[in-house]
Amino acid sequence: MPLLQVRDFPAELYDAISRIAHEENRSIPQQTIVLLKTALNLSHERKTRRQAVLREIDSLNIKNANTFPDPASLTREDRDR
């Protein structure tokens, strides 16, 4: 199994992982692996979901979509009221 060594790891993160590991009855390395797997899976799921939404939007073939107002401009206008 590969070995991972992290230098200059922030103390507050180490303390948080240590606390969670204790609560979950895991070692710090075990808890770190669980947290990394969870974070990487969530990131992949979000990216996949965003790509699916963009494909769905593209499939709608909305006419004149490039003439829609800029969302940032609309937000600014609404805030200025």
C-alpha atoms as a PDB file:
ATOM      1  CA  MET A   1       0.000   0.000   0.000  1.00  0.00           C
ATOM      2  CA  PRO A   2       1.355   3.455  -0.866  1.00  0.00           C
ATOM      3  CA  LEU A   3       2.485   5.753   1.914  1.00  0.00           C
ATOM      4  CA  LEU A   4       1.332   9.384   2.015  1.00  0.00           C
ATOM      5  CA  GLN A   5       3.228  11.930   4.049  1.00  0.00           C
ATOM      6  CA  VAL A   6       1.989  15.509   4.305  1.00  0.00           C
ATOM      7  CA  ARG A   7       4.356  18.229   5.478  1.00  0.00           C
ATOM      8  CA  ASP A   8       3.238  21.435   7.178  1.00  0.00           C
ATOM      9  CA  PHE A   9      -0.218  20.003   7.857  1.00  0.00           C
ATOM     10  CA  PRO A  10      -2.317  22.640   9.670  1.00  0.00           C
ATOM     11  CA  ALA A  11      -2.686  21.862  13.367  1.00  0.00           C
ATOM     12  CA  GLU A  12      -6.388  22.782  13.390  1.00  0.00           C
ATOM     13  CA  LEU A  13      -7.114  20.232  10.629  1.00  0.00           C
ATOM     14  CA  TYR A  14      -5.123  17.568  12.451  1.00  0.00           C
ATOM     15  CA  ASP A  15      -7.031  18.295  15.655  1.00  0.00           C
ATOM     16  CA  ALA A  16     -10.370  18.118  13.821  1.00  0.00           C
ATOM     17  CA  ILE A  17      -9.478  14.803  12.168  1.00  0.00           C
ATOM     18  CA  SER A  18      -8.236  13.469  15.486  1.00  0.00           C
ATOM     19  CA  ARG A  19     -11.481  14.468  17.227  1.00  0.00           C
ATOM     20  CA  ILE A  20     -13.661  12.931  14.501  1.00  0.00           C
ATOM     21  CA  ALA A  21     -11.539   9.765  14.471  1.00  0.00           C
ATOM     22  CA  HIS A  22     -11.997   9.424  18.218  1.00  0.00           C
ATOM     23  CA  GLU A  23     -15.770   9.904  17.890  1.00  0.00           C
ATOM     24  CA  GLU A  24     -15.940   7.308  15.090  1.00  0.00           C
ATOM     25  CA  ASN A  25     -13.609   4.847  16.879  1.00  0.00           C
ATOM     26  CA  ARG A  26     -11.084   5.007  14.047  1.00  0.00           C
ATOM     27  CA  SER A  27      -7.400   5.727  13.872  1.00  0.00           C
ATOM     28  CA  ILE A  28      -6.321   9.053  12.418  1.00  0.00           C
ATOM     29  CA  PRO A  29      -5.071   7.394   9.188  1.00  0.00           C
ATOM     30  CA  GLN A  30      -8.354   5.475   8.827  1.00  0.00           C
ATOM     31  CA  GLN A  31     -10.404   8.632   9.375  1.00  0.00           C
ATOM     32  CA  THR A  32      -8.260  10.596   6.919  1.00  0.00           C
ATOM     33  CA  ILE A  33      -8.923   7.964   4.241  1.00  0.00           C
ATOM     34  CA  VAL A  34     -12.685   8.068   4.934  1.00  0.00           C
ATOM     35  CA  LEU A  35     -12.730  11.874   4.712  1.00  0.00           C
ATOM     36  CA  LEU A  36     -10.700  11.920   1.478  1.00  0.00           C
ATOM     37  CA  LYS A  37     -12.907   9.277  -0.146  1.00  0.00           C
ATOM     38  CA  THR A  38     -16.013  11.217   0.833  1.00  0.00           C
ATOM     39  CA  ALA A  39     -14.632  14.540  -0.405  1.00  0.00           C
ATOM     40  CA  LEU A  40     -13.432  13.123  -3.716  1.00  0.00           C
ATOM     41  CA  ASN A  41     -16.690  11.299  -4.348  1.00  0.00           C
ATOM     42  CA  LEU A  42     -18.760  14.409  -3.595  1.00  0.00           C
ATOM     43  CA  SER A  43     -16.591  16.484  -5.909  1.00  0.00           C
ATOM     44  CA  HIS A  44     -16.985  13.932  -8.713  1.00  0.00           C
ATOM     45  CA  GLU A  45     -20.764  13.702  -8.163  1.00  0.00           C
ATOM     46  CA  ARG A  46     -21.151  17.492  -8.302  1.00  0.00           C
ATOM     47  CA  LYS A  47     -19.127  17.734 -11.492  1.00  0.00           C
ATOM     48  CA  THR A  48     -21.132  14.926 -13.107  1.00  0.00           C
ATOM     49  CA  ARG A  49     -24.424  16.560 -12.061  1.00  0.00           C
ATOM     50  CA  ARG A  50     -23.338  19.951 -13.457  1.00  0.00           C
ATOM     51  CA  GLN A  51     -22.339  18.352 -16.755  1.00  0.00           C
ATOM     52  CA  ALA A  52     -25.727  16.619 -16.997  1.00  0.00           C
ATOM     53  CA  VAL A  53     -27.552  19.905 -16.359  1.00  0.00           C
ATOM     54  CA  LEU A  54     -25.493  21.676 -19.032  1.00  0.00           C
ATOM     55  CA  ARG A  55     -26.223  18.888 -21.533  1.00  0.00           C
ATOM     56  CA  GLU A  56     -29.928  19.151 -20.729  1.00  0.00           C
ATOM     57  CA  ILE A  57     -29.860  22.919 -21.239  1.00  0.00           C
ATOM     58  CA  ASP A  58     -28.054  22.472 -24.562  1.00  0.00           C
ATOM     59  CA  SER A  59     -30.686  19.966 -25.678  1.00  0.00           C
ATOM     60  CA  LEU A  60     -33.463  22.537 -25.151  1.00  0.00           C
ATOM     61  CA  ASN A  61     -32.300  24.506 -28.209  1.00  0.00           C
ATOM     62  CA  ILE A  62     -33.392  27.821 -26.750  1.00  0.00           C
ATOM     63  CA  LYS A  63     -33.650  30.448 -29.470  1.00  0.00           C
ATOM     64  CA  ASN A  64     -32.072  33.862 -28.911  1.00  0.00           C
ATOM     65  CA  ALA A  65     -30.356  32.697 -25.725  1.00  0.00           C
ATOM     66  CA  ASN A  66     -27.491  35.072 -26.429  1.00  0.00           C
ATOM     67  CA  THR A  67     -29.878  38.046 -26.200  1.00  0.00           C
ATOM     68  CA  PHE A  68     -30.889  37.295 -22.601  1.00  0.00           C
ATOM     69  CA  PRO A  69     -29.824  39.953 -20.076  1.00  0.00           C
ATOM     70  CA  ASP A  70     -26.642  39.364 -18.114  1.00  0.00           C
ATOM     71  CA  PRO A  71     -27.542  37.844 -14.695  1.00  0.00           C
ATOM     72  CA  ALA A  72     -24.893  39.955 -12.945  1.00  0.00           C
ATOM     73  CA  SER A  73     -26.390  43.140 -14.411  1.00  0.00           C
ATOM     74  CA  LEU A  74     -29.873  42.113 -13.300  1.00  0.00           C
ATOM     75  CA  THR A  75     -28.612  41.383  -9.788  1.00  0.00           C
ATOM     76  CA  ARG A  76     -26.819  44.742  -9.612  1.00  0.00           C
ATOM     77  CA  GLU A  77     -29.933  46.515 -10.864  1.00  0.00           C
ATOM     78  CA  ASP A  78     -32.082  44.769  -8.254  1.00  0.00           C
ATOM     79  CA  ARG A  79     -29.668  45.658  -5.443  1.00  0.00           C
ATOM     80  CA  ASP A  80     -29.594  49.306  -6.507  1.00  0.00           C
ATOM     81  CA  ARG A  81     -33.357  49.668  -6.070  1.00  0.00           C
END
